[in-house]
Amino acid sequence: MTTARYIALEGLEGCGKSTHALRLATSLDAVLTREPGGTRIGALLRGILADPDNTDMNPRTEALLMAADRAQHFADVIRPALGRDQHVVSDRSVYSTLAYQGFGRGLDVAILRDISKWALHDHFPDIVVYISVPTEILNERLAKRTPDRFEREGANFFSRVNDGFRTLIHTEGDWIIVDGTQSKEEVEKAIYTAVTQRLKELS
């Protein structure tokens, strides 16, 4: 019986997910991946989704491209790794779809959940880490890099996404919440300590 777990890091743009997904995966000797873009096909879809020239993309198109990426991701990366009894650490997951395309774009969250369940064969993340950072700090961090299509969205969009994540924190089970305003070393330690404890509880 496998003891491997599917671990997802979530949060708004600029919160440090990518950095800490890498650090956690290294510490756990886990498979590191991301959504969208964790597979060859997913990388092509990510390019379409992130391209600033695609500002005319319909929200349903966006959601379906995310679902297509997720289905390929589960088939190519997540399921095989878990089958080898190896943990998976993913930079974003289904919960980003619920927050961004659901709350952010105003699509039906229940429909998005059903599509994602189908894409994931009902296997949602076993452990979710949410890195919490105030929006004013996120804005300062994002100002230092070239924005993609999502990062060019206005404050109202990200306010809705933030509200979405806050709702999910209270409705989707026992997420691990980490203060992302700490130093990178402190955030890394907090994530590792909480995740390893949760892994023990799930074993």
N, C-alpha and C. Protein backbone atom coordinates (compact mmCIF):
# COMPACT_ATOMS: atom_id res chain seq x y z
N MET A 1 0.84 -1.20 0.00
CA MET A 1 0.00 0.00 0.00
C MET A 1 0.88 1.25 0.00
N THR A 2 0.63 2.16 -0.93
CA THR A 2 1.46 3.35 -1.05
C THR A 2 1.24 4.31 0.12
N THR A 3 2.32 4.95 0.53
CA THR A 3 2.23 6.00 1.56
C THR A 3 2.56 7.36 0.97
N ALA A 4 2.76 7.41 -0.34
CA ALA A 4 3.10 8.68 -1.00
C ALA A 4 1.89 9.60 -1.02
N ARG A 5 2.15 10.90 -0.99
CA ARG A 5 1.07 11.89 -0.94
C ARG A 5 1.27 12.96 -2.02
N TYR A 6 0.15 13.50 -2.44
CA TYR A 6 0.09 14.59 -3.41
C TYR A 6 -0.02 15.89 -2.61
N ILE A 7 1.02 16.71 -2.66
CA ILE A 7 1.11 17.94 -1.86
C ILE A 7 1.08 19.14 -2.79
N ALA A 8 0.21 20.10 -2.51
CA ALA A 8 0.09 21.29 -3.36
C ALA A 8 0.40 22.54 -2.57
N LEU A 9 1.12 23.46 -3.20
CA LEU A 9 1.35 24.79 -2.62
C LEU A 9 0.50 25.79 -3.37
N GLU A 10 -0.23 26.61 -2.61
CA GLU A 10 -1.15 27.57 -3.20
C GLU A 10 -0.89 28.97 -2.66
N GLY A 11 -1.44 29.95 -3.38
CA GLY A 11 -1.32 31.34 -2.98
C GLY A 11 -1.39 32.26 -4.18
N LEU A 12 -1.42 33.54 -3.91
CA LEU A 12 -1.48 34.53 -4.98
C LEU A 12 -0.12 34.69 -5.64
N GLU A 13 -0.11 35.31 -6.83
CA GLU A 13 1.13 35.60 -7.53
C GLU A 13 2.09 36.37 -6.63
N GLY A 14 3.35 35.90 -6.60
CA GLY A 14 4.36 36.60 -5.82
C GLY A 14 4.50 36.14 -4.38
N CYS A 15 3.73 35.12 -3.98
CA CYS A 15 3.77 34.70 -2.58
C CYS A 15 4.98 33.82 -2.26
N GLY A 16 5.64 33.28 -3.28
CA GLY A 16 6.80 32.43 -3.04
C GLY A 16 6.57 30.95 -3.26
N LYS A 17 5.45 30.60 -3.90
CA LYS A 17 5.12 29.19 -4.12
C LYS A 17 6.22 28.42 -4.84
N SER A 18 6.69 28.98 -5.95
CA SER A 18 7.67 28.26 -6.77
C SER A 18 8.95 27.99 -5.99
N THR A 19 9.42 28.99 -5.28
CA THR A 19 10.63 28.84 -4.47
C THR A 19 10.46 27.75 -3.43
N HIS A 20 9.33 27.77 -2.74
CA HIS A 20 9.15 26.84 -1.63
C HIS A 20 8.67 25.47 -2.09
N ALA A 21 8.07 25.37 -3.25
CA ALA A 21 7.77 24.06 -3.82
C ALA A 21 9.09 23.34 -4.11
N LEU A 22 10.04 24.06 -4.69
CA LEU A 22 11.35 23.48 -4.97
C LEU A 22 12.05 23.05 -3.69
N ARG A 23 12.04 23.91 -2.69
CA ARG A 23 12.74 23.58 -1.44
C ARG A 23 12.09 22.39 -0.74
N LEU A 24 10.76 22.35 -0.74
CA LEU A 24 10.08 21.24 -0.08
C LEU A 24 10.31 19.94 -0.83
N ALA A 25 10.21 19.98 -2.15
CA ALA A 25 10.43 18.77 -2.94
C ALA A 25 11.84 18.23 -2.73
N THR A 26 12.81 19.13 -2.65
CA THR A 26 14.19 18.71 -2.41
C THR A 26 14.33 18.05 -1.04
N SER A 27 13.72 18.64 -0.03
CA SER A 27 13.81 18.11 1.33
C SER A 27 13.13 16.75 1.46
N LEU A 28 12.05 16.56 0.72
CA LEU A 28 11.29 15.31 0.81
C LEU A 28 11.71 14.28 -0.23
N ASP A 29 12.66 14.65 -1.10
CA ASP A 29 13.04 13.80 -2.24
C ASP A 29 11.78 13.44 -3.05
N ALA A 30 10.97 14.47 -3.29
CA ALA A 30 9.70 14.30 -3.98
C ALA A 30 9.81 14.74 -5.44
N VAL A 31 8.82 14.37 -6.22
CA VAL A 31 8.71 14.85 -7.59
C VAL A 31 8.21 16.29 -7.54
N LEU A 32 8.93 17.19 -8.18
CA LEU A 32 8.53 18.60 -8.25
C LEU A 32 7.82 18.85 -9.57
N THR A 33 6.65 19.49 -9.50
CA THR A 33 5.91 19.77 -10.71
C THR A 33 5.10 21.05 -10.53
N ARG A 34 4.31 21.39 -11.55
CA ARG A 34 3.53 22.63 -11.46
C ARG A 34 2.30 22.54 -12.35
N GLU A 35 1.33 23.38 -12.05
CA GLU A 35 0.14 23.56 -12.89
C GLU A 35 -0.08 25.04 -13.12
N PRO A 36 -0.31 25.41 -14.38
CA PRO A 36 -0.16 24.57 -15.57
C PRO A 36 1.30 24.43 -15.97
N GLY A 37 1.58 23.46 -16.84
CA GLY A 37 2.91 23.36 -17.43
C GLY A 37 3.79 22.24 -16.94
N GLY A 38 3.25 21.28 -16.20
CA GLY A 38 4.07 20.21 -15.64
C GLY A 38 4.38 19.07 -16.59
N THR A 39 3.89 19.14 -17.82
CA THR A 39 4.15 18.11 -18.82
C THR A 39 4.51 18.79 -20.14
N ARG A 40 4.91 18.00 -21.13
CA ARG A 40 5.24 18.59 -22.43
C ARG A 40 4.02 19.29 -23.01
N ILE A 41 2.89 18.61 -23.01
CA ILE A 41 1.66 19.22 -23.53
C ILE A 41 1.24 20.38 -22.64
N GLY A 42 1.39 20.20 -21.34
CA GLY A 42 1.03 21.27 -20.41
C GLY A 42 1.85 22.53 -20.62
N ALA A 43 3.11 22.37 -21.00
CA ALA A 43 3.95 23.55 -21.25
C ALA A 43 3.41 24.35 -22.43
N LEU A 44 2.89 23.66 -23.44
CA LEU A 44 2.29 24.35 -24.58
C LEU A 44 1.03 25.10 -24.14
N LEU A 45 0.23 24.45 -23.30
CA LEU A 45 -0.99 25.09 -22.80
C LEU A 45 -0.65 26.28 -21.90
N ARG A 46 0.39 26.14 -21.10
CA ARG A 46 0.81 27.24 -20.23
C ARG A 46 1.21 28.46 -21.06
N GLY A 47 1.90 28.20 -22.17
CA GLY A 47 2.29 29.30 -23.04
C GLY A 47 1.10 30.08 -23.56
N ILE A 48 0.05 29.36 -23.92
CA ILE A 48 -1.17 30.01 -24.41
C ILE A 48 -1.84 30.78 -23.28
N LEU A 49 -1.94 30.16 -22.12
CA LEU A 49 -2.64 30.77 -20.98
C LEU A 49 -1.93 32.02 -20.46
N ALA A 50 -0.60 32.01 -20.49
CA ALA A 50 0.17 33.12 -19.91
C ALA A 50 0.47 34.23 -20.90
N ASP A 51 0.26 34.00 -22.18
CA ASP A 51 0.63 34.97 -23.21
C ASP A 51 -0.19 36.25 -23.08
N PRO A 52 0.46 37.40 -22.85
CA PRO A 52 -0.27 38.66 -22.72
C PRO A 52 -1.06 39.04 -23.97
N ASP A 53 -0.70 38.46 -25.13
CA ASP A 53 -1.45 38.74 -26.36
C ASP A 53 -2.84 38.11 -26.35
N ASN A 54 -3.06 37.17 -25.45
CA ASN A 54 -4.34 36.45 -25.41
C ASN A 54 -5.31 37.05 -24.40
N THR A 55 -5.35 38.37 -24.33
CA THR A 55 -6.25 39.03 -23.38
C THR A 55 -7.72 38.83 -23.74
N ASP A 56 -7.99 38.42 -24.98
CA ASP A 56 -9.38 38.22 -25.41
C ASP A 56 -9.87 36.81 -25.11
N MET A 57 -9.10 36.03 -24.37
CA MET A 57 -9.50 34.65 -24.09
C MET A 57 -10.78 34.62 -23.25
N ASN A 58 -11.73 33.81 -23.69
CA ASN A 58 -12.98 33.64 -22.96
C ASN A 58 -12.71 32.90 -21.64
N PRO A 59 -13.37 33.29 -20.54
CA PRO A 59 -13.13 32.61 -19.26
C PRO A 59 -13.37 31.11 -19.31
N ARG A 60 -14.37 30.66 -20.08
CA ARG A 60 -14.61 29.22 -20.17
C ARG A 60 -13.48 28.52 -20.93
N THR A 61 -12.97 29.19 -21.95
CA THR A 61 -11.81 28.64 -22.66
C THR A 61 -10.64 28.48 -21.70
N GLU A 62 -10.40 29.51 -20.92
CA GLU A 62 -9.32 29.48 -19.93
C GLU A 62 -9.50 28.30 -18.97
N ALA A 63 -10.70 28.14 -18.46
CA ALA A 63 -10.97 27.06 -17.50
C ALA A 63 -10.78 25.69 -18.14
N LEU A 64 -11.20 25.53 -19.38
CA LEU A 64 -11.08 24.24 -20.05
C LEU A 64 -9.63 23.92 -20.40
N LEU A 65 -8.85 24.95 -20.74
CA LEU A 65 -7.42 24.72 -20.97
C LEU A 65 -6.73 24.30 -19.67
N MET A 66 -7.13 24.90 -18.57
CA MET A 66 -6.59 24.49 -17.27
C MET A 66 -6.95 23.04 -16.97
N ALA A 67 -8.18 22.66 -17.28
CA ALA A 67 -8.62 21.29 -17.03
C ALA A 67 -7.86 20.30 -17.91
N ALA A 68 -7.61 20.69 -19.17
CA ALA A 68 -6.85 19.84 -20.07
C ALA A 68 -5.43 19.64 -19.54
N ASP A 69 -4.82 20.72 -19.09
CA ASP A 69 -3.49 20.62 -18.49
C ASP A 69 -3.52 19.68 -17.29
N ARG A 70 -4.54 19.81 -16.47
CA ARG A 70 -4.63 19.01 -15.24
C ARG A 70 -4.79 17.52 -15.54
N ALA A 71 -5.58 17.20 -16.54
CA ALA A 71 -5.77 15.80 -16.91
C ALA A 71 -4.46 15.18 -17.38
N GLN A 72 -3.73 15.90 -18.22
CA GLN A 72 -2.44 15.41 -18.71
C GLN A 72 -1.43 15.31 -17.57
N HIS A 73 -1.48 16.28 -16.69
CA HIS A 73 -0.58 16.32 -15.54
C HIS A 73 -0.80 15.12 -14.63
N PHE A 74 -2.04 14.80 -14.38
CA PHE A 74 -2.34 13.65 -13.52
C PHE A 74 -1.87 12.36 -14.18
N ALA A 75 -2.14 12.23 -15.48
CA ALA A 75 -1.78 11.01 -16.19
C ALA A 75 -0.27 10.82 -16.32
N ASP A 76 0.45 11.91 -16.59
CA ASP A 76 1.88 11.81 -16.89
C ASP A 76 2.78 11.92 -15.67
N VAL A 77 2.34 12.66 -14.65
CA VAL A 77 3.24 12.97 -13.53
C VAL A 77 2.72 12.46 -12.19
N ILE A 78 1.52 12.88 -11.81
CA ILE A 78 1.04 12.63 -10.45
C ILE A 78 0.79 11.14 -10.20
N ARG A 79 -0.04 10.53 -11.03
CA ARG A 79 -0.38 9.12 -10.80
C ARG A 79 0.85 8.21 -10.88
N PRO A 80 1.72 8.38 -11.90
CA PRO A 80 2.91 7.52 -11.94
C PRO A 80 3.81 7.67 -10.71
N ALA A 81 4.00 8.91 -10.24
CA ALA A 81 4.86 9.13 -9.07
C ALA A 81 4.27 8.48 -7.83
N LEU A 82 2.98 8.67 -7.61
CA LEU A 82 2.34 8.05 -6.45
C LEU A 82 2.39 6.54 -6.56
N GLY A 83 2.29 6.03 -7.78
CA GLY A 83 2.39 4.59 -8.00
C GLY A 83 3.77 4.03 -7.66
N ARG A 84 4.79 4.88 -7.77
CA ARG A 84 6.16 4.50 -7.38
C ARG A 84 6.40 4.75 -5.90
N ASP A 85 5.38 5.15 -5.18
CA ASP A 85 5.46 5.49 -3.76
C ASP A 85 6.37 6.69 -3.52
N GLN A 86 6.26 7.68 -4.41
CA GLN A 86 7.06 8.90 -4.29
C GLN A 86 6.13 10.10 -4.12
N HIS A 87 6.41 10.93 -3.13
CA HIS A 87 5.61 12.13 -2.92
C HIS A 87 5.67 13.05 -4.14
N VAL A 88 4.60 13.81 -4.35
CA VAL A 88 4.54 14.82 -5.40
C VAL A 88 4.33 16.18 -4.74
N VAL A 89 5.14 17.16 -5.12
CA VAL A 89 4.97 18.54 -4.67
C VAL A 89 4.66 19.39 -5.89
N SER A 90 3.48 20.00 -5.90
CA SER A 90 3.04 20.77 -7.06
C SER A 90 2.88 22.25 -6.73
N ASP A 91 3.44 23.08 -7.60
CA ASP A 91 3.24 24.53 -7.56
C ASP A 91 1.89 24.80 -8.22
N ARG A 92 0.87 24.95 -7.43
CA ARG A 92 -0.54 25.13 -7.80
C ARG A 92 -1.24 23.79 -8.07
N SER A 93 -2.58 23.86 -8.00
CA SER A 93 -3.40 22.67 -8.17
C SER A 93 -4.82 23.08 -8.54
N VAL A 94 -5.73 22.16 -8.38
CA VAL A 94 -7.15 22.41 -8.67
C VAL A 94 -7.67 23.63 -7.91
N TYR A 95 -7.13 23.89 -6.74
CA TYR A 95 -7.66 24.99 -5.94
C TYR A 95 -7.37 26.35 -6.56
N SER A 96 -6.32 26.44 -7.36
CA SER A 96 -6.09 27.68 -8.10
C SER A 96 -7.18 27.90 -9.14
N THR A 97 -7.64 26.82 -9.76
CA THR A 97 -8.75 26.95 -10.71
C THR A 97 -10.00 27.45 -10.01
N LEU A 98 -10.30 26.89 -8.85
CA LEU A 98 -11.49 27.33 -8.12
C LEU A 98 -11.38 28.80 -7.73
N ALA A 99 -10.18 29.23 -7.34
CA ALA A 99 -9.99 30.62 -6.91
C ALA A 99 -9.92 31.58 -8.09
N TYR A 100 -9.14 31.24 -9.11
CA TYR A 100 -8.92 32.16 -10.23
C TYR A 100 -10.06 32.14 -11.24
N GLN A 101 -10.39 30.95 -11.74
CA GLN A 101 -11.46 30.90 -12.75
C GLN A 101 -12.84 30.95 -12.11
N GLY A 102 -12.96 30.43 -10.89
CA GLY A 102 -14.23 30.48 -10.18
C GLY A 102 -14.51 31.86 -9.61
N PHE A 103 -13.83 32.20 -8.55
CA PHE A 103 -14.06 33.49 -7.89
C PHE A 103 -13.55 34.66 -8.73
N GLY A 104 -12.38 34.50 -9.34
CA GLY A 104 -11.80 35.60 -10.11
C GLY A 104 -12.57 35.92 -11.38
N ARG A 105 -12.87 34.88 -12.16
CA ARG A 105 -13.56 35.07 -13.44
C ARG A 105 -15.08 34.99 -13.32
N GLY A 106 -15.56 34.55 -12.18
CA GLY A 106 -17.01 34.49 -11.98
C GLY A 106 -17.68 33.26 -12.55
N LEU A 107 -16.90 32.19 -12.80
CA LEU A 107 -17.49 30.95 -13.29
C LEU A 107 -18.04 30.13 -12.13
N ASP A 108 -18.91 29.19 -12.46
CA ASP A 108 -19.56 28.36 -11.45
C ASP A 108 -18.54 27.43 -10.79
N VAL A 109 -18.30 27.62 -9.50
CA VAL A 109 -17.29 26.84 -8.79
C VAL A 109 -17.66 25.36 -8.76
N ALA A 110 -18.94 25.04 -8.63
CA ALA A 110 -19.36 23.64 -8.59
C ALA A 110 -19.04 22.94 -9.91
N ILE A 111 -19.27 23.63 -11.02
CA ILE A 111 -18.96 23.04 -12.33
C ILE A 111 -17.45 22.85 -12.48
N LEU A 112 -16.68 23.85 -12.08
CA LEU A 112 -15.22 23.74 -12.15
C LEU A 112 -14.72 22.59 -11.29
N ARG A 113 -15.32 22.40 -10.14
CA ARG A 113 -14.93 21.30 -9.26
C ARG A 113 -15.21 19.95 -9.94
N ASP A 114 -16.38 19.83 -10.56
CA ASP A 114 -16.74 18.58 -11.22
C ASP A 114 -15.81 18.27 -12.39
N ILE A 115 -15.48 19.29 -13.18
CA ILE A 115 -14.56 19.09 -14.30
C ILE A 115 -13.19 18.65 -13.78
N SER A 116 -12.75 19.28 -12.70
CA SER A 116 -11.44 18.94 -12.13
C SER A 116 -11.44 17.55 -11.51
N LYS A 117 -12.53 17.16 -10.88
CA LYS A 117 -12.63 15.81 -10.33
C LYS A 117 -12.49 14.78 -11.44
N TRP A 118 -13.12 15.05 -12.58
CA TRP A 118 -13.03 14.15 -13.72
C TRP A 118 -11.59 14.10 -14.25
N ALA A 119 -10.95 15.26 -14.37
CA ALA A 119 -9.57 15.32 -14.87
C ALA A 119 -8.61 14.60 -13.93
N LEU A 120 -8.88 14.66 -12.64
CA LEU A 120 -7.99 14.10 -11.62
C LEU A 120 -8.40 12.71 -11.15
N HIS A 121 -9.40 12.13 -11.80
CA HIS A 121 -9.91 10.82 -11.35
C HIS A 121 -10.25 10.87 -9.86
N ASP A 122 -10.83 11.99 -9.43
CA ASP A 122 -11.26 12.21 -8.05
C ASP A 122 -10.11 12.32 -7.04
N HIS A 123 -8.88 12.49 -7.52
CA HIS A 123 -7.75 12.55 -6.59
C HIS A 123 -7.29 14.00 -6.41
N PHE A 124 -7.91 14.70 -5.47
CA PHE A 124 -7.49 16.05 -5.13
C PHE A 124 -6.24 15.95 -4.23
N PRO A 125 -5.51 17.06 -4.05
CA PRO A 125 -4.32 17.02 -3.20
C PRO A 125 -4.61 16.48 -1.80
N ASP A 126 -3.66 15.70 -1.28
CA ASP A 126 -3.79 15.16 0.07
C ASP A 126 -3.43 16.21 1.12
N ILE A 127 -2.50 17.08 0.77
CA ILE A 127 -2.03 18.14 1.68
C ILE A 127 -1.95 19.43 0.88
N VAL A 128 -2.49 20.52 1.44
CA VAL A 128 -2.42 21.82 0.78
C VAL A 128 -1.74 22.82 1.72
N VAL A 129 -0.73 23.50 1.19
CA VAL A 129 -0.04 24.56 1.92
C VAL A 129 -0.40 25.88 1.26
N TYR A 130 -0.95 26.80 2.03
CA TYR A 130 -1.29 28.13 1.51
C TYR A 130 -0.32 29.14 2.10
N ILE A 131 0.41 29.83 1.22
CA ILE A 131 1.36 30.86 1.66
C ILE A 131 0.65 32.20 1.63
N SER A 132 0.45 32.77 2.79
CA SER A 132 -0.33 34.00 2.94
C SER A 132 0.59 35.23 2.99
N VAL A 133 0.35 36.16 2.06
CA VAL A 133 1.12 37.40 1.99
C VAL A 133 0.16 38.55 1.69
N PRO A 134 0.23 39.67 2.42
CA PRO A 134 -0.64 40.82 2.14
C PRO A 134 -0.45 41.33 0.71
N THR A 135 -1.54 41.83 0.14
CA THR A 135 -1.50 42.25 -1.26
C THR A 135 -0.50 43.37 -1.53
N GLU A 136 -0.30 44.27 -0.56
CA GLU A 136 0.65 45.36 -0.80
C GLU A 136 2.07 44.85 -0.97
N ILE A 137 2.41 43.79 -0.24
CA ILE A 137 3.74 43.19 -0.38
C ILE A 137 3.84 42.44 -1.70
N LEU A 138 2.76 41.74 -2.07
CA LEU A 138 2.74 41.04 -3.36
C LEU A 138 2.94 42.02 -4.51
N ASN A 139 2.28 43.17 -4.43
CA ASN A 139 2.40 44.17 -5.49
C ASN A 139 3.85 44.65 -5.63
N GLU A 140 4.53 44.82 -4.51
CA GLU A 140 5.93 45.24 -4.54
C GLU A 140 6.79 44.17 -5.22
N ARG A 141 6.52 42.91 -4.92
CA ARG A 141 7.30 41.82 -5.52
C ARG A 141 7.04 41.71 -7.02
N LEU A 142 5.77 41.83 -7.41
CA LEU A 142 5.41 41.69 -8.82
C LEU A 142 5.95 42.83 -9.66
N ALA A 143 6.12 43.99 -9.06
CA ALA A 143 6.63 45.15 -9.80
C ALA A 143 8.06 44.93 -10.28
N LYS A 144 8.74 43.94 -9.72
CA LYS A 144 10.14 43.68 -10.07
C LYS A 144 10.29 42.69 -11.21
N ARG A 145 9.17 42.16 -11.76
CA ARG A 145 9.30 41.18 -12.84
C ARG A 145 8.33 41.49 -13.96
N THR A 146 8.62 40.92 -15.14
CA THR A 146 7.77 41.14 -16.31
C THR A 146 6.47 40.35 -16.13
N PRO A 147 5.33 41.02 -16.15
CA PRO A 147 4.06 40.33 -15.86
C PRO A 147 3.56 39.48 -17.02
N ASP A 148 2.96 38.33 -16.69
CA ASP A 148 2.28 37.52 -17.71
C ASP A 148 0.81 37.96 -17.78
N ARG A 149 0.00 37.21 -18.50
CA ARG A 149 -1.40 37.63 -18.70
C ARG A 149 -2.16 37.73 -17.39
N PHE A 150 -1.93 36.78 -16.49
CA PHE A 150 -2.64 36.81 -15.21
C PHE A 150 -2.15 37.96 -14.33
N GLU A 151 -0.84 38.15 -14.31
CA GLU A 151 -0.27 39.18 -13.45
C GLU A 151 -0.64 40.58 -13.90
N ARG A 152 -1.14 40.72 -15.13
CA ARG A 152 -1.57 42.03 -15.63
C ARG A 152 -3.01 42.36 -15.23
N GLU A 153 -3.68 41.41 -14.60
CA GLU A 153 -5.05 41.67 -14.17
C GLU A 153 -5.06 42.76 -13.09
N GLY A 154 -6.17 43.45 -12.97
CA GLY A 154 -6.27 44.56 -12.03
C GLY A 154 -6.50 44.13 -10.59
N ALA A 155 -6.51 45.13 -9.71
CA ALA A 155 -6.65 44.88 -8.28
C ALA A 155 -7.98 44.21 -7.95
N ASN A 156 -9.05 44.55 -8.67
CA ASN A 156 -10.35 43.95 -8.38
C ASN A 156 -10.34 42.45 -8.62
N PHE A 157 -9.66 42.04 -9.70
CA PHE A 157 -9.56 40.61 -10.00
C PHE A 157 -8.86 39.88 -8.87
N PHE A 158 -7.71 40.39 -8.45
CA PHE A 158 -6.95 39.71 -7.40
C PHE A 158 -7.64 39.78 -6.05
N SER A 159 -8.45 40.81 -5.84
CA SER A 159 -9.24 40.86 -4.62
C SER A 159 -10.25 39.72 -4.59
N ARG A 160 -10.87 39.45 -5.74
CA ARG A 160 -11.83 38.34 -5.83
C ARG A 160 -11.13 36.99 -5.65
N VAL A 161 -9.95 36.86 -6.27
CA VAL A 161 -9.19 35.62 -6.12
C VAL A 161 -8.79 35.41 -4.66
N ASN A 162 -8.35 36.48 -4.02
CA ASN A 162 -7.98 36.40 -2.61
C ASN A 162 -9.17 35.99 -1.75
N ASP A 163 -10.32 36.57 -2.03
CA ASP A 163 -11.54 36.18 -1.32
C ASP A 163 -11.85 34.71 -1.56
N GLY A 164 -11.59 34.26 -2.79
CA GLY A 164 -11.82 32.87 -3.13
C GLY A 164 -10.95 31.93 -2.32
N PHE A 165 -9.68 32.24 -2.24
CA PHE A 165 -8.78 31.41 -1.44
C PHE A 165 -9.21 31.41 0.03
N ARG A 166 -9.61 32.57 0.54
CA ARG A 166 -10.05 32.64 1.94
C ARG A 166 -11.28 31.76 2.17
N THR A 167 -12.17 31.75 1.20
CA THR A 167 -13.34 30.88 1.30
C THR A 167 -12.93 29.42 1.28
N LEU A 168 -12.03 29.06 0.37
CA LEU A 168 -11.59 27.68 0.25
C LEU A 168 -10.88 27.20 1.51
N ILE A 169 -10.13 28.09 2.14
CA ILE A 169 -9.45 27.73 3.38
C ILE A 169 -10.45 27.23 4.42
N HIS A 170 -11.64 27.82 4.42
CA HIS A 170 -12.65 27.47 5.42
C HIS A 170 -13.57 26.33 4.99
N THR A 171 -13.56 25.99 3.70
CA THR A 171 -14.51 24.98 3.22
C THR A 171 -13.88 23.70 2.69
N GLU A 172 -12.58 23.72 2.44
CA GLU A 172 -11.96 22.58 1.74
C GLU A 172 -11.14 21.66 2.63
N GLY A 173 -11.29 21.76 3.91
CA GLY A 173 -10.53 20.88 4.77
C GLY A 173 -9.41 21.61 5.49
N ASP A 174 -8.51 20.85 6.05
CA ASP A 174 -7.50 21.38 6.95
C ASP A 174 -6.23 21.77 6.19
N TRP A 175 -6.24 22.97 5.62
CA TRP A 175 -5.05 23.46 4.92
C TRP A 175 -4.00 23.92 5.93
N ILE A 176 -2.75 23.86 5.51
CA ILE A 176 -1.65 24.41 6.29
C ILE A 176 -1.45 25.86 5.85
N ILE A 177 -1.57 26.80 6.76
CA ILE A 177 -1.42 28.22 6.44
C ILE A 177 -0.08 28.71 6.97
N VAL A 178 0.72 29.30 6.08
CA VAL A 178 2.05 29.76 6.45
C VAL A 178 2.17 31.25 6.16
N ASP A 179 2.74 31.98 7.09
CA ASP A 179 2.97 33.42 6.94
C ASP A 179 4.13 33.65 5.98
N GLY A 180 3.81 34.13 4.78
CA GLY A 180 4.83 34.32 3.76
C GLY A 180 5.62 35.60 3.88
N THR A 181 5.36 36.40 4.93
CA THR A 181 6.13 37.64 5.11
C THR A 181 7.43 37.38 5.88
N GLN A 182 7.59 36.17 6.38
CA GLN A 182 8.82 35.82 7.09
C GLN A 182 9.97 35.68 6.09
N SER A 183 11.17 35.50 6.60
CA SER A 183 12.31 35.25 5.72
C SER A 183 12.11 33.93 4.98
N LYS A 184 12.81 33.76 3.86
CA LYS A 184 12.68 32.51 3.09
C LYS A 184 13.02 31.30 3.95
N GLU A 185 14.02 31.45 4.79
CA GLU A 185 14.43 30.34 5.64
C GLU A 185 13.34 29.99 6.66
N GLU A 186 12.70 31.02 7.22
CA GLU A 186 11.63 30.78 8.19
C GLU A 186 10.42 30.15 7.52
N VAL A 187 10.08 30.62 6.33
CA VAL A 187 8.95 30.04 5.59
C VAL A 187 9.25 28.58 5.24
N GLU A 188 10.46 28.33 4.77
CA GLU A 188 10.86 26.97 4.42
C GLU A 188 10.74 26.04 5.62
N LYS A 189 11.23 26.48 6.77
CA LYS A 189 11.17 25.66 7.98
C LYS A 189 9.73 25.41 8.40
N ALA A 190 8.90 26.45 8.35
CA ALA A 190 7.49 26.31 8.75
C ALA A 190 6.76 25.32 7.86
N ILE A 191 7.01 25.41 6.56
CA ILE A 191 6.35 24.49 5.62
C ILE A 191 6.81 23.06 5.86
N TYR A 192 8.12 22.88 5.95
CA TYR A 192 8.66 21.52 6.12
C TYR A 192 8.16 20.89 7.42
N THR A 193 8.18 21.65 8.50
CA THR A 193 7.74 21.13 9.79
C THR A 193 6.28 20.72 9.75
N ALA A 194 5.43 21.58 9.19
CA ALA A 194 4.00 21.29 9.14
C ALA A 194 3.69 20.13 8.20
N VAL A 195 4.35 20.08 7.06
CA VAL A 195 4.08 19.02 6.09
C VAL A 195 4.55 17.66 6.62
N THR A 196 5.73 17.61 7.20
CA THR A 196 6.21 16.33 7.73
C THR A 196 5.32 15.83 8.86
N GLN A 197 4.81 16.75 9.67
CA GLN A 197 3.88 16.35 10.72
C GLN A 197 2.59 15.81 10.12
N ARG A 198 2.09 16.46 9.08
CA ARG A 198 0.87 15.99 8.43
C ARG A 198 1.08 14.63 7.76
N LEU A 199 2.25 14.44 7.17
CA LEU A 199 2.56 13.14 6.56
C LEU A 199 2.53 12.03 7.60
N LYS A 200 3.05 12.31 8.79
CA LYS A 200 3.01 11.31 9.86
C LYS A 200 1.56 11.00 10.24
N GLU A 201 0.73 12.03 10.29
CA GLU A 201 -0.67 11.84 10.67
C GLU A 201 -1.42 11.02 9.63
N LEU A 202 -1.03 11.15 8.37
CA LEU A 202 -1.71 10.45 7.28
C LEU A 202 -1.19 9.04 7.05
N SER A 203 -0.04 8.72 7.65
CA SER A 203 0.58 7.42 7.39
C SER A 203 -0.12 6.30 8.17
